[in-house]
């Protein structure tokens, strides 16, 4: 693994004031010593996705064997210990949930059955469990309810005996969430689906995972296209759904129309029925006291979508617009709750200069602050409240060398410094639905970072152990740890 203290991407010259400390991006690279190496530029293209029929067909361009060989991570002395956990079409869910069980003993992952085409209705993937102590891996269930980016949304509840994921009854084409005890094999079928479970496992939150394919592919379940609906206007038949895992019952918490009419500041437009409205992504805060979602709408005749970040209480009250569509349109992506449960972090363009910043904002849109001058990828704050952020990057973003590798970045927002956990290879794709995102995520304890990679022409999952790094940081002795490089 090549260690870099900074990244040599084509940063733009812009200036930002962080806590009375002036940081110019022109000089950002020289703020932290870096090891240099040569590279060959690769082009990364994202083609427009075509939503027709029962799926999307595309071809993954595999790793060039002469250049990448058998290593998905650049060689060199690592910042922290890293090991591969599983391979062979395996991914963890997303950047806002930990695939490690609450005890830390087991990792739950998903294996896609193929990597070069889009899944068709009735094709199954596998939910797998890895014993982190013995390294043994086993398939604990099949699932027909998955897509390429987040699999079947496999995630833990309040204990190692509660694992949640989506499935589809292919005799009725009913999608549903499963609660599985991976040790006894006992399982229960929920009424609704799961996008994200609350940390205690008592509630499952979900947008409409069937219709969401019309908003963005990769995050829901696949049904025959004739069984999906196209929303016209801010409908009252679609919205956010909450499942009580004790009873298995599901209710619509709020409709898209509720959000459209009630959120503050308002997101109303003069001609709402000219747009297709969808909720997309649902995220619990760590305390289970607020929910975040995206509402996005696109002209029925085609064109650029608009997006707003919306929050609310778990009873559907206090609907607030954290990021307005005007703010989002400036450039932004990938939100996550911070440890305090009141603030959201994300990449957002806020200074009028090219390139995204990494910001935090309160659930109601107030208290917006830039906390790091260069944003990218899928950022999330340390779950224990330390001033650490882990994120990756898309291959085209300025923090990459655009050589087929993306950084797994470790940001310290208190000091404005950055470390590199790893540089992982991701394949060039002709359709972004088939991209491999590293999706780095903290485990619940804040000791480990888990991320996806691509090795030997297949998806795989890695884990980085930050125990000694965090101990040095906590003792105020981080400079000694940095001296190991």
Protein backbone atom coordinates (compact mmCIF):
# COMPACT_ATOMS: atom_id res chain seq x y z
CA UNK A 1 0.00 0.00 0.00
CA UNK A 2 1.48 3.28 -1.09
CA UNK A 3 1.48 5.78 1.74
CA UNK A 4 0.72 9.34 0.79
CA UNK A 5 0.20 12.18 3.17
CA UNK A 6 -1.49 14.13 0.41
CA UNK A 7 -2.90 13.56 -3.04
CA UNK A 8 -1.52 15.00 -6.24
CA UNK A 9 -4.75 15.49 -8.14
CA UNK A 10 -5.35 18.69 -10.10
CA UNK A 11 -6.47 20.86 -7.19
CA UNK A 12 -7.89 24.24 -8.04
CA UNK A 13 -6.53 27.39 -6.47
CA UNK A 14 -9.07 28.47 -3.92
CA UNK A 15 -8.93 29.85 -0.42
CA UNK A 16 -10.89 28.93 2.64
CA UNK A 17 -10.82 30.22 6.21
CA UNK A 18 -11.05 27.40 8.76
CA UNK A 19 -10.90 28.47 12.40
CA UNK A 20 -8.73 31.48 11.53
CA UNK A 21 -6.29 29.23 9.68
CA UNK A 22 -5.77 30.06 6.02
CA UNK A 23 -5.39 27.01 3.77
CA UNK A 24 -4.79 27.44 0.06
CA UNK A 25 -5.51 24.47 -2.11
CA UNK A 26 -2.68 25.52 -4.35
CA UNK A 27 -0.35 24.77 -1.48
CA UNK A 28 -2.50 22.04 0.08
CA UNK A 29 -0.32 19.23 -1.23
CA UNK A 30 2.80 20.61 0.40
CA UNK A 31 1.15 20.99 3.80
CA UNK A 32 1.78 17.29 4.50
CA UNK A 33 4.90 15.46 3.29
CA UNK A 34 4.17 13.09 0.43
CA UNK A 35 5.95 10.24 -1.28
CA UNK A 36 5.84 10.59 -5.03
CA UNK A 37 5.62 7.95 -7.70
CA UNK A 38 4.97 7.89 -11.45
CA UNK A 39 1.66 6.92 -12.92
CA UNK A 40 -0.17 6.57 -16.23
CA UNK A 41 -3.38 8.49 -16.69
CA UNK A 42 -6.52 6.50 -17.41
CA UNK A 43 -9.75 8.02 -18.60
CA UNK A 44 -12.93 7.45 -16.61
CA UNK A 45 -16.28 7.78 -18.36
CA UNK A 46 -19.76 7.60 -16.87
CA UNK A 47 -22.42 7.08 -19.52
CA UNK A 48 -26.05 7.99 -19.03
CA UNK A 49 -28.12 5.10 -17.62
CA UNK A 50 -31.06 3.97 -19.74
CA UNK A 51 -34.04 2.74 -17.78
CA UNK A 52 -35.92 0.49 -20.22
CA UNK A 53 -37.51 -2.91 -19.83
CA UNK A 54 -36.46 -5.14 -16.98
CA UNK A 55 -32.93 -3.94 -16.50
CA UNK A 56 -29.78 -2.26 -17.66
CA UNK A 57 -27.10 -4.05 -19.62
CA UNK A 58 -23.49 -2.89 -19.44
CA UNK A 59 -20.02 -4.33 -19.54
CA UNK A 60 -17.45 -3.96 -16.79
CA UNK A 61 -13.95 -3.23 -18.04
CA UNK A 62 -11.76 -5.51 -15.97
CA UNK A 63 -8.46 -4.67 -14.32
CA UNK A 64 -5.50 -4.61 -16.72
CA UNK A 65 -3.55 -7.70 -15.57
CA UNK A 66 -0.20 -6.46 -16.84
CA UNK A 67 -0.42 -3.34 -14.72
CA UNK A 68 -2.36 -4.36 -11.65
CA UNK A 69 -1.20 -7.97 -11.36
CA UNK A 70 -2.79 -9.59 -8.31
CA UNK A 71 -2.76 -6.54 -6.06
CA UNK A 72 -5.71 -4.20 -5.65
CA UNK A 73 -3.78 -1.97 -3.24
CA UNK A 74 -0.61 -0.13 -4.17
CA UNK A 75 2.51 -1.54 -2.48
CA UNK A 76 4.26 0.26 0.35
CA UNK A 77 4.25 0.48 4.12
CA UNK A 78 0.65 0.99 5.31
CA UNK A 79 -0.48 3.69 7.71
CA UNK A 80 -2.38 1.01 9.65
CA UNK A 81 -2.69 -2.79 9.33
CA UNK A 82 -4.98 -3.85 6.45
CA UNK A 83 -6.21 -7.28 5.47
CA UNK A 84 -8.61 -8.70 2.95
CA UNK A 85 -11.69 -10.31 4.49
CA UNK A 86 -13.52 -11.82 1.53
CA UNK A 87 -13.41 -11.96 -2.25
CA UNK A 88 -15.33 -13.25 -5.25
CA UNK A 89 -18.01 -10.67 -6.02
CA UNK A 90 -18.31 -9.58 -2.38
CA UNK A 91 -19.31 -6.13 -1.10
CA UNK A 92 -20.33 -4.57 2.17
CA UNK A 93 -23.45 -2.41 2.25
CA UNK A 94 -22.68 1.33 2.40
CA UNK A 95 -20.69 4.11 4.02
CA UNK A 96 -23.17 4.72 6.86
CA UNK A 97 -23.50 1.23 8.39
CA UNK A 98 -20.98 -1.24 9.76
CA UNK A 99 -20.82 -4.78 8.36
CA UNK A 100 -19.15 -5.84 11.63
CA UNK A 101 -21.59 -7.26 14.15
CA UNK A 102 -22.24 -5.35 17.41
CA UNK A 103 -19.77 -7.63 19.23
CA UNK A 104 -17.17 -7.21 16.48
CA UNK A 105 -16.82 -10.98 16.07
CA UNK A 106 -18.61 -11.43 12.72
CA UNK A 107 -18.85 -9.60 9.40
CA UNK A 108 -21.96 -9.82 7.23
CA UNK A 109 -21.46 -9.25 3.50
CA UNK A 110 -23.20 -9.84 0.18
CA UNK A 111 -21.98 -11.77 -2.85
CA UNK A 112 -23.29 -10.78 -6.28
CA UNK A 113 -23.59 -13.75 -8.67
CA UNK A 114 -22.06 -11.85 -11.59
CA UNK A 115 -20.35 -8.51 -12.18
CA UNK A 116 -20.74 -7.79 -15.88
CA UNK A 117 -24.49 -7.28 -16.30
CA UNK A 118 -27.50 -6.01 -14.46
CA UNK A 119 -29.57 -8.47 -12.39
CA UNK A 120 -32.86 -9.73 -13.78
CA UNK A 121 -35.93 -10.47 -11.63
CA UNK A 122 -35.57 -13.81 -9.85
CA UNK A 123 -31.76 -13.97 -9.84
CA UNK A 124 -30.28 -14.63 -6.41
CA UNK A 125 -27.20 -13.42 -4.59
CA UNK A 126 -25.79 -14.69 -1.31
CA UNK A 127 -25.67 -13.31 2.22
CA UNK A 128 -22.40 -14.46 3.76
CA UNK A 129 -21.01 -14.43 7.29
CA UNK A 130 -17.29 -14.26 8.11
CA UNK A 131 -15.95 -15.24 11.53
CA UNK A 132 -13.34 -12.56 12.20
CA UNK A 133 -11.53 -14.79 14.69
CA UNK A 134 -11.19 -17.93 12.59
CA UNK A 135 -11.54 -16.41 9.11
CA UNK A 136 -14.14 -19.00 8.17
CA UNK A 137 -16.82 -17.87 5.75
CA UNK A 138 -20.21 -19.42 5.07
CA UNK A 139 -23.35 -18.65 3.12
CA UNK A 140 -26.23 -18.08 5.52
CA UNK A 141 -28.99 -17.18 3.06
CA UNK A 142 -29.87 -16.49 -0.53
CA UNK A 143 -31.61 -13.28 -1.53
CA UNK A 144 -33.60 -12.29 -4.60
CA UNK A 145 -33.92 -8.71 -3.33
CA UNK A 146 -30.74 -6.91 -4.32
CA UNK A 147 -29.02 -4.54 -6.70
CA UNK A 148 -25.39 -3.93 -7.65
CA UNK A 149 -24.35 -1.06 -5.38
CA UNK A 150 -25.55 -2.08 -1.91
CA UNK A 151 -26.51 -5.72 -2.47
CA UNK A 152 -29.48 -6.75 -0.33
CA UNK A 153 -28.84 -3.96 2.21
CA UNK A 154 -27.38 -6.50 4.65
CA UNK A 155 -26.93 -4.95 8.12
CA UNK A 156 -27.03 -5.71 11.82
CA UNK A 157 -29.64 -4.81 14.40
CA UNK A 158 -29.09 -4.53 18.14
CA UNK A 159 -27.17 -7.80 18.59
CA UNK A 160 -25.27 -10.49 16.73
CA UNK A 161 -28.54 -12.45 16.61
CA UNK A 162 -30.33 -9.82 14.48
CA UNK A 163 -29.29 -9.54 10.85
CA UNK A 164 -31.51 -7.73 8.36
CA UNK A 165 -31.59 -7.88 4.57
CA UNK A 166 -34.07 -7.74 1.68
CA UNK A 167 -35.55 -10.61 -0.27
CA UNK A 168 -38.30 -11.13 -2.86
CA UNK A 169 -40.94 -13.86 -2.99
CA UNK A 170 -40.63 -14.79 -6.65
CA UNK A 171 -44.01 -16.57 -6.65
CA UNK A 172 -45.87 -13.34 -5.82
CA UNK A 173 -43.12 -10.76 -6.53
CA UNK A 174 -43.55 -9.33 -3.05
CA UNK A 175 -40.39 -7.68 -1.64
CA UNK A 176 -39.77 -7.91 2.10
CA UNK A 177 -37.14 -7.58 4.78
CA UNK A 178 -35.81 -10.61 6.63
CA UNK A 179 -34.74 -10.75 10.27
CA UNK A 180 -32.29 -13.66 10.58
CA UNK A 181 -30.43 -15.17 13.49
CA UNK A 182 -27.30 -16.34 11.61
CA UNK A 183 -26.45 -18.90 14.30
CA UNK A 184 -29.78 -20.69 14.77
CA UNK A 185 -31.09 -20.08 11.27
CA UNK A 186 -34.33 -18.75 12.70
CA UNK A 187 -35.84 -16.07 10.49
CA UNK A 188 -38.86 -13.79 10.35
CA UNK A 189 -40.42 -12.06 7.38
CA UNK A 190 -41.23 -8.37 7.79
CA UNK A 191 -44.08 -6.66 5.95
CA UNK A 192 -41.88 -3.98 4.40
CA UNK A 193 -38.33 -3.61 3.14
CA UNK A 194 -35.18 -2.24 4.76
CA UNK A 195 -32.83 0.44 3.57
CA UNK A 196 -31.43 1.23 7.02
CA UNK A 197 -32.06 -0.28 10.45
CA UNK A 198 -31.88 1.78 13.62
CA UNK A 199 -28.81 0.97 15.72
CA UNK A 200 -30.94 -0.85 18.30
CA UNK A 201 -32.64 -2.86 15.55
CA UNK A 202 -36.13 -1.89 16.69
CA UNK A 203 -37.11 -0.02 13.55
CA UNK A 204 -36.41 -0.42 9.82
CA UNK A 205 -36.67 2.58 7.52
CA UNK A 206 -37.07 2.35 3.78
CA UNK A 207 -38.02 4.32 0.74
CA UNK A 208 -39.84 2.48 -2.04
CA UNK A 209 -37.14 0.03 -3.13
CA UNK A 210 -39.18 -1.18 -6.09
CA UNK A 211 -39.90 2.17 -7.73
CA UNK A 212 -36.54 3.70 -6.83
CA UNK A 213 -35.02 2.12 -9.93
CA UNK A 214 -36.70 4.95 -11.82
CA UNK A 215 -34.82 7.44 -9.65
CA UNK A 216 -31.44 5.74 -9.49
CA UNK A 217 -30.45 2.13 -9.99
CA UNK A 218 -28.29 0.07 -7.65
CA UNK A 219 -29.94 0.51 -4.25
CA UNK A 220 -33.24 -1.36 -4.26
CA UNK A 221 -34.77 -4.64 -5.40
CA UNK A 222 -35.46 -5.90 -8.90
CA UNK A 223 -38.98 -6.80 -9.98
CA UNK A 224 -40.46 -7.14 -13.46
CA UNK A 225 -40.83 -3.64 -14.87
CA UNK A 226 -44.59 -4.12 -15.27
CA UNK A 227 -44.84 -4.26 -11.45
CA UNK A 228 -43.09 -0.94 -10.87
CA UNK A 229 -44.85 2.41 -10.76
CA UNK A 230 -43.80 5.76 -12.17
CA UNK A 231 -44.62 8.64 -9.85
CA UNK A 232 -46.18 11.71 -11.44
CA UNK A 233 -46.03 14.72 -9.17
CA UNK A 234 -45.58 14.61 -5.38
CA UNK A 235 -47.80 11.55 -4.85
CA UNK A 236 -49.46 10.50 -1.61
CA UNK A 237 -49.13 6.78 -2.44
CA UNK A 238 -45.33 6.68 -2.02
CA UNK A 239 -42.97 7.96 0.65
CA UNK A 240 -41.05 6.74 3.70
CA UNK A 241 -41.97 3.44 5.35
CA UNK A 242 -41.17 2.29 8.92
CA UNK A 243 -41.24 -1.33 10.08
CA UNK A 244 -41.55 -2.30 13.74
CA UNK A 245 -39.28 -5.35 13.99
CA UNK A 246 -41.10 -6.65 17.07
CA UNK A 247 -44.43 -6.98 15.25
CA UNK A 248 -43.11 -7.06 11.68
CA UNK A 249 -45.77 -4.50 10.70
CA UNK A 250 -45.00 -1.65 8.28
CA UNK A 251 -46.62 1.77 8.01
CA UNK A 252 -46.07 4.74 5.74
CA UNK A 253 -44.57 7.40 7.98
CA UNK A 254 -44.99 10.30 5.56
CA UNK A 255 -45.90 10.50 1.91
CA UNK A 256 -43.94 12.39 -0.70
CA UNK A 257 -46.85 14.83 -0.79
CA UNK A 258 -46.55 15.33 3.00
CA UNK A 259 -42.89 16.20 2.60
CA UNK A 260 -43.56 18.43 -0.39
CA UNK A 261 -46.27 20.41 1.41
CA UNK A 262 -44.86 20.55 4.94
CA UNK A 263 -41.09 20.80 4.84
CA UNK A 264 -39.46 24.06 5.94
CA UNK A 265 -37.95 25.81 4.00
CA UNK A 266 -40.43 24.95 1.26
CA UNK A 267 -39.50 22.95 -1.83
CA UNK A 268 -42.71 23.67 -3.73
CA UNK A 269 -42.64 24.57 -7.41
CA UNK A 270 -45.29 26.12 -9.65
CA UNK A 271 -45.77 23.01 -11.80
CA UNK A 272 -45.18 19.92 -9.61
CA UNK A 273 -47.15 17.56 -11.83
CA UNK A 274 -44.60 18.08 -14.59
CA UNK A 275 -42.05 16.16 -12.48
CA UNK A 276 -41.52 12.60 -11.24
CA UNK A 277 -40.93 12.70 -7.46
CA UNK A 278 -39.15 9.97 -5.48
CA UNK A 279 -37.66 9.51 -2.03
CA UNK A 280 -34.20 8.03 -2.18
CA UNK A 281 -31.99 6.75 0.66
CA UNK A 282 -33.13 6.78 4.27
CA UNK A 283 -30.72 7.22 7.19
CA UNK A 284 -31.32 6.99 10.94
CA UNK A 285 -29.24 9.17 13.22
CA UNK A 286 -27.29 7.18 15.87
CA UNK A 287 -29.80 8.01 18.59
CA UNK A 288 -32.81 6.96 16.52
CA UNK A 289 -34.38 10.40 17.06
CA UNK A 290 -34.26 11.72 13.49
CA UNK A 291 -34.47 10.38 9.94
CA UNK A 292 -32.86 11.83 6.83
CA UNK A 293 -33.86 11.24 3.23
CA UNK A 294 -33.42 12.72 -0.22
CA UNK A 295 -36.37 13.92 -2.25
CA UNK A 296 -35.54 14.16 -5.91
CA UNK A 297 -37.64 15.23 -8.85
CA UNK A 298 -36.97 15.13 -12.57
CA UNK A 299 -38.97 16.57 -15.49
CA UNK A 300 -41.27 13.98 -17.04
CA UNK A 301 -39.93 15.02 -20.42
CA UNK A 302 -36.36 14.33 -19.28
CA UNK A 303 -33.66 16.60 -18.02
CA UNK A 304 -31.65 17.36 -14.91
CA UNK A 305 -33.03 16.28 -11.57
CA UNK A 306 -33.35 18.46 -8.48
CA UNK A 307 -32.57 17.16 -5.00
CA UNK A 308 -33.30 18.31 -1.45
CA UNK A 309 -32.04 16.82 1.82
CA UNK A 310 -34.96 16.36 4.21
CA UNK A 311 -35.04 15.43 7.90
CA UNK A 312 -37.84 14.61 10.34
CA UNK A 313 -38.66 13.06 13.67
CA UNK A 314 -39.36 9.29 13.68
CA UNK A 315 -43.06 10.07 14.10
CA UNK A 316 -43.05 12.16 10.91
CA UNK A 317 -43.17 15.54 12.63
CA UNK A 318 -40.75 18.48 12.32
CA UNK A 319 -40.10 17.98 8.61
CA UNK A 320 -37.17 20.22 7.71
CA UNK A 321 -35.12 20.99 4.61
CA UNK A 322 -31.47 20.65 5.63
CA UNK A 323 -30.12 21.32 2.13
CA UNK A 324 -32.31 23.15 -0.37
CA UNK A 325 -32.47 22.18 -4.05
CA UNK A 326 -30.72 25.45 -4.87
CA UNK A 327 -27.83 24.56 -2.56
CA UNK A 328 -27.63 21.01 -3.86
CA UNK A 329 -27.65 22.20 -7.46
CA UNK A 330 -24.35 23.98 -6.87
CA UNK A 331 -22.77 20.52 -6.51
CA UNK A 332 -22.96 17.97 -3.72
CA UNK A 333 -23.40 14.35 -2.75
CA UNK A 334 -23.42 11.73 0.01
CA UNK A 335 -24.79 12.69 3.36
CA UNK A 336 -24.35 10.98 6.73
CA UNK A 337 -25.32 11.82 10.31
CA UNK A 338 -22.62 12.93 12.71
CA UNK A 339 -22.23 11.40 16.18
CA UNK A 340 -24.29 14.10 17.92
CA UNK A 341 -27.41 13.16 15.95
CA UNK A 342 -28.23 16.80 15.20
CA UNK A 343 -25.82 17.49 12.35
CA UNK A 344 -25.31 16.06 8.88
CA UNK A 345 -22.05 15.86 6.97
CA UNK A 346 -21.72 15.85 3.19
CA UNK A 347 -19.77 17.05 0.18
CA UNK A 348 -21.14 20.40 -0.97
CA UNK A 349 -20.06 23.33 -3.10
CA UNK A 350 -20.27 26.39 -0.85
CA UNK A 351 -17.47 28.82 -1.73
CA UNK A 352 -18.17 29.55 -5.38
CA UNK A 353 -14.85 28.07 -6.50
CA UNK A 354 -14.49 24.79 -8.45
CA UNK A 355 -14.38 21.68 -6.28
CA UNK A 356 -16.52 20.45 -3.39
CA UNK A 357 -15.94 21.19 0.28
CA UNK A 358 -16.73 18.88 3.19
CA UNK A 359 -19.36 20.52 5.36
CA UNK A 360 -21.60 19.94 8.34
CA UNK A 361 -25.09 21.38 8.72
CA UNK A 362 -27.80 21.11 11.37
CA UNK A 363 -30.89 19.03 10.59
CA UNK A 364 -32.92 22.21 9.93
CA UNK A 365 -30.40 23.78 7.54
CA UNK A 366 -28.80 26.11 10.07
CA UNK A 367 -25.20 26.15 11.32
CA UNK A 368 -23.64 25.24 7.96
CA UNK A 369 -19.85 25.09 8.27
CA UNK A 370 -16.98 24.00 6.08
CA UNK A 371 -14.93 21.56 8.15
CA UNK A 372 -12.43 20.42 5.52
CA UNK A 373 -11.46 22.23 2.31
CA UNK A 374 -11.48 19.25 -0.04
CA UNK A 375 -14.43 16.90 -0.13
CA UNK A 376 -14.83 13.66 -2.10
CA UNK A 377 -16.49 10.28 -2.17
CA UNK A 378 -18.56 8.90 0.69
CA UNK A 379 -17.57 10.67 3.93
CA UNK A 380 -18.58 9.77 7.47
CA UNK A 381 -17.47 11.01 10.89
CA UNK A 382 -16.00 8.82 13.62
CA UNK A 383 -18.92 7.28 15.58
CA UNK A 384 -17.31 8.12 18.94
CA UNK A 385 -17.12 11.83 18.22
CA UNK A 386 -13.42 12.07 17.39
CA UNK A 387 -12.59 14.73 14.77
CA UNK A 388 -11.84 12.03 12.19
CA UNK A 389 -13.57 11.49 8.88
CA UNK A 390 -13.09 8.57 6.54
CA UNK A 391 -13.97 8.88 2.87
CA UNK A 392 -13.00 7.68 -0.58
CA UNK A 393 -13.30 9.33 -4.00
CA UNK A 394 -14.77 8.79 -7.40
CA UNK A 395 -12.11 8.14 -10.05
CA UNK A 396 -12.74 11.51 -11.69
CA UNK A 397 -12.48 13.61 -8.52
CA UNK A 398 -9.47 15.89 -8.07
CA UNK A 399 -8.00 13.97 -5.11
CA UNK A 400 -7.19 11.00 -7.34
CA UNK A 401 -4.26 10.54 -9.72
CA UNK A 402 -6.82 9.34 -12.30
CA UNK A 403 -4.77 6.16 -12.73
CA UNK A 404 -7.51 3.67 -11.82
CA UNK A 405 -6.85 3.89 -8.06
CA UNK A 406 -8.89 5.85 -5.52
CA UNK A 407 -7.76 6.92 -2.06
CA UNK A 408 -9.31 5.85 1.21
CA UNK A 409 -8.76 9.14 3.01
CA UNK A 410 -8.51 9.80 6.75
CA UNK A 411 -9.23 13.46 7.52
CA UNK A 412 -8.65 15.24 10.83
CA UNK A 413 -11.03 18.19 10.82
CA UNK A 414 -9.51 19.61 14.03
CA UNK A 415 -6.01 19.97 12.58
CA UNK A 416 -6.88 20.22 8.87
CA UNK A 417 -4.51 17.35 8.08
CA UNK A 418 -5.00 14.20 6.04
CA UNK A 419 -3.59 10.67 5.94
CA UNK A 420 -3.99 7.92 3.38
CA UNK A 421 -5.27 4.57 4.63
CA UNK A 422 -5.02 2.87 1.23
CA UNK A 423 -5.08 3.39 -2.51
CA UNK A 424 -7.50 0.84 -3.96
CA UNK A 425 -8.04 -0.09 -7.58
CA UNK A 426 -11.51 0.29 -9.06
CA UNK A 427 -12.38 -0.87 -12.58
CA UNK A 428 -13.29 1.43 -15.41
CA UNK A 429 -16.94 0.91 -16.33
CA UNK A 430 -19.12 1.93 -19.22
CA UNK A 431 -22.20 2.31 -17.00
CA UNK A 432 -22.00 3.83 -13.53
CA UNK A 433 -24.47 1.23 -12.23
CA UNK A 434 -21.56 -1.24 -12.31
CA UNK A 435 -18.95 0.94 -10.63
CA UNK A 436 -17.10 -0.33 -7.57
CA UNK A 437 -17.22 2.28 -4.81
CA UNK A 438 -14.91 1.75 -1.84
CA UNK A 439 -17.70 2.96 0.50
CA UNK A 440 -15.38 3.17 3.55
CA UNK A 441 -17.29 2.87 6.80
CA UNK A 442 -16.47 2.84 10.51
CA UNK A 443 -17.40 -0.09 12.69
CA UNK A 444 -19.57 0.78 15.69
CA UNK A 445 -16.59 1.00 18.05
CA UNK A 446 -14.69 3.41 15.80
CA UNK A 447 -11.61 1.17 15.73
CA UNK A 448 -11.95 -0.34 12.25
CA UNK A 449 -12.59 1.01 8.76
CA UNK A 450 -14.08 -1.44 6.27
CA UNK A 451 -14.03 -0.77 2.53
CA UNK A 452 -14.61 -2.39 -0.84
CA UNK A 453 -11.90 -3.01 -3.43
CA UNK A 454 -11.28 -4.84 -6.67
CA UNK A 455 -8.67 -7.58 -6.91
CA UNK A 456 -8.11 -10.38 -9.43
CA UNK A 457 -10.95 -8.94 -11.51
CA UNK A 458 -13.56 -9.25 -8.78
CA UNK A 459 -15.09 -7.30 -5.91
CA UNK A 460 -13.66 -7.85 -2.44
CA UNK A 461 -13.75 -6.36 1.07
CA UNK A 462 -10.89 -5.10 3.27
CA UNK A 463 -10.56 -4.02 6.89
CA UNK A 464 -8.12 -1.47 8.34
CA UNK A 465 -7.28 -1.49 12.04
CA UNK A 466 -6.86 2.05 13.43
CA UNK A 467 -6.45 1.05 17.09
CA UNK A 468 -2.88 2.27 17.52
CA UNK A 469 -3.47 5.35 15.38
CA UNK A 470 -6.46 6.41 17.49
CA UNK A 471 -4.64 5.62 20.73
CA UNK A 472 -1.79 7.88 19.64
CA UNK A 473 -4.27 10.58 18.69
CA UNK A 474 -6.06 10.32 22.02
CA UNK A 475 -2.77 10.61 23.90
CA UNK A 476 -1.73 13.62 21.88
CA UNK A 477 1.15 11.61 20.47
CA UNK A 478 0.05 11.39 16.87
CA UNK A 479 3.31 12.85 15.58
CA UNK A 480 5.17 9.82 16.85
CA UNK A 481 2.78 7.53 15.01
CA UNK A 482 3.15 9.61 11.87
CA UNK A 483 6.88 9.23 12.16
CA UNK A 484 6.53 5.54 11.32
CA UNK A 485 6.02 6.42 7.67
